[in-house]
């Protein structure tokens, strides 16, 4: 017996061939035993003999034909699936082949790390070197030890920190390799720029770890670790580090800067005047037409179009808009747990897109491709191509975030007013005057690319270069406000509309929340859809339902706790022993924006919530926040934490609330646990290590 593999099935040789061989042998044996007398008395061949010989001959021919060289069984690929990748996994061979000596690896969750890596890669050319940006997920990182084979080589790492000091998704394998390897990196030159946010406890943990671990493995640090703080001015931190880094590298390698300060294009424009529109991307992130023919599994490159079934305003009054949405995942095979995040892909405001087309004087419906000039690059296009300018500006590019300094530098050449050109280049420098100008003109005034074009009338860049420079529009993450035990086919989202007026008098709207607000449920049966997928989280209820839980989530930070409360209620209905379920939430005014008031009060009435504590911050002269209520209930809290093994969960603002709440827990441990502040800090840190103090926070 033998096995052939084709299209996922096993083909086994049929027993038919063996049966046929046995039949022939039996017939031949039978005919050879006929007495010779029979041959004398009868004709040489009887009708039966003729029949049998004919049958035998036919079987022999069939048998020999079947033994001919088997035709190869084609490996059929599934429809709409890409062919097996022939992508080069050796970055060393690729560097040798293309004459590069600098590789810039990036760990990026929101695209900023990748953007910085691309900028450093382009910089190399200005400094007489040649670089490539590389996603560590796409290459065999164990080859890092071979980098010394390339003269004057350097590895730069732009590493963002994600979650609780974790690597980004695309750097997870690299992180695992660094932890497990005992290989030697002698002769490997490196430097690291870390991207993080000081409001988080594990500030720049990933970048610091990579920097330290590479040195431990024998690599040589050729420039100091750069620390970028997104809570301050990440762009300024990067520009300052970068402008010190390159001169140091020129000195280290004994090379001179080329002096080439002109713009270096990475992509070339191709216009499609006669193209089948079925081959044009209309917003899909991966597979063409994936929004028309949805196929699981659904992920970041293949989101599910979930119909919106509920979109209601949560607040009764006030000037804000807080909303609750429900999306239907029936038939998607999507599974989620309480505490997970739902990622949604928003689109930009059509009015802004149209205004950009108008101000640049272009036909937004022109079909184009931007093709990488580096044919060896794994990244063939900056976004899915071919597509239209309208689709690119609506679905793929971030046109709302204030542009970074490199965008201003690259676009400066198109300003016809010398003063505009000078100021744009100045803002891209690390000079104090340039930093101050960028801070005031771009960041403080919150100018997006449209506002800059409107306020600098001499600046009219080609739209293809603008599209090349704009960062990708990223997915937005929301803590899921439901439990799959209660709502297996539905995901709930709680969000507040972001809307404010800038110093220049422009009304600025949050991309995602404005888009979500407009996802209305129509009476005519038409349902708006949301491209979404699930991002797993470590923010989980305790394994033992009997453990008490303390949940702290003011404002929309209540979202994951709606799921927790639903799940604890479901567990009680199943007859499980459920521990105390204590909630601390807050809003501004009880009569205006008390989120989920009816559901929470009903849960308390039914005994699902053991104690409901709500801080109405502005209903009295002295503001009251959740941390004040924690201190008020300190005896109960200390018993639950120290004696009953309660699990603590914090969700919401990282910059102020999460810090203030953590300080309140320190104070309770000091007062009721008889600890010093240092001991109290260590006590809370141990709770974190044990998974009993979890945070889902943002800044």
Foldseek 3Di string as FASTA:
>chain_A
DDWDDAQRDTDDDDCVLVVLVVVLVVVVVVVVPDDPVVCVVDPVADPVRVVVVVVSVVSVVVNVVVPPPDDRDDHDDDPLDDDPDPADQAVQVVCVVVVAQEEEEEQDAFFPRQLLRVVVQVVQVQAVGHYYYDQNLRHDCVCLLVSLVDPLHEYEYEFEADFQRHGHPSCNVVVVCLVPDLAANANYEYEYEYAAAVLHPCFSNVRVCVVVSNVVRHYHYQAYYQHAHPNPPRLLSSQVRVVVPSVSSCVVNVTGRPNDLADDDFWDKDFDPDDDCQPAAQQQQAGRCCQVPPDDDADPNRFDWWFKDDWDFFWPDDDWTKIKIKTFQPPNPAFAFQFWKKWFFFWFDLVLLVLLCVLLVHDQQTFMFIAGPPPSDPDGGLGDDRYGNSSCNTRWFDQQFQARLVLLQNQLVQQPDVVSSVLSNLLNHSDPVNVVSCCVVPPQQVDGPSNVCVVRVSGRDDVVVVSSRTGTRGIDIFRWQAGCVVVVGMTMGIDIWDWDAGPVRDIGTDRVNVRSNPQDDDPVRDTHTIGIHIDHDLQDDDPQQQQEEEEEAEDSQCRSVNHVLNVLVVCVVVVHNHHAYEYEYEEAAPNTRPGPVVVVVVSCVVVSHVYYHYFNQHPDPHGDHSLNVCLVCLVVVCCSVVPRVYAYEYGEASNPPVVSNLVSQLVSCCPVVVDDSVVSVVVVVVCVVVNRYYYHHDD
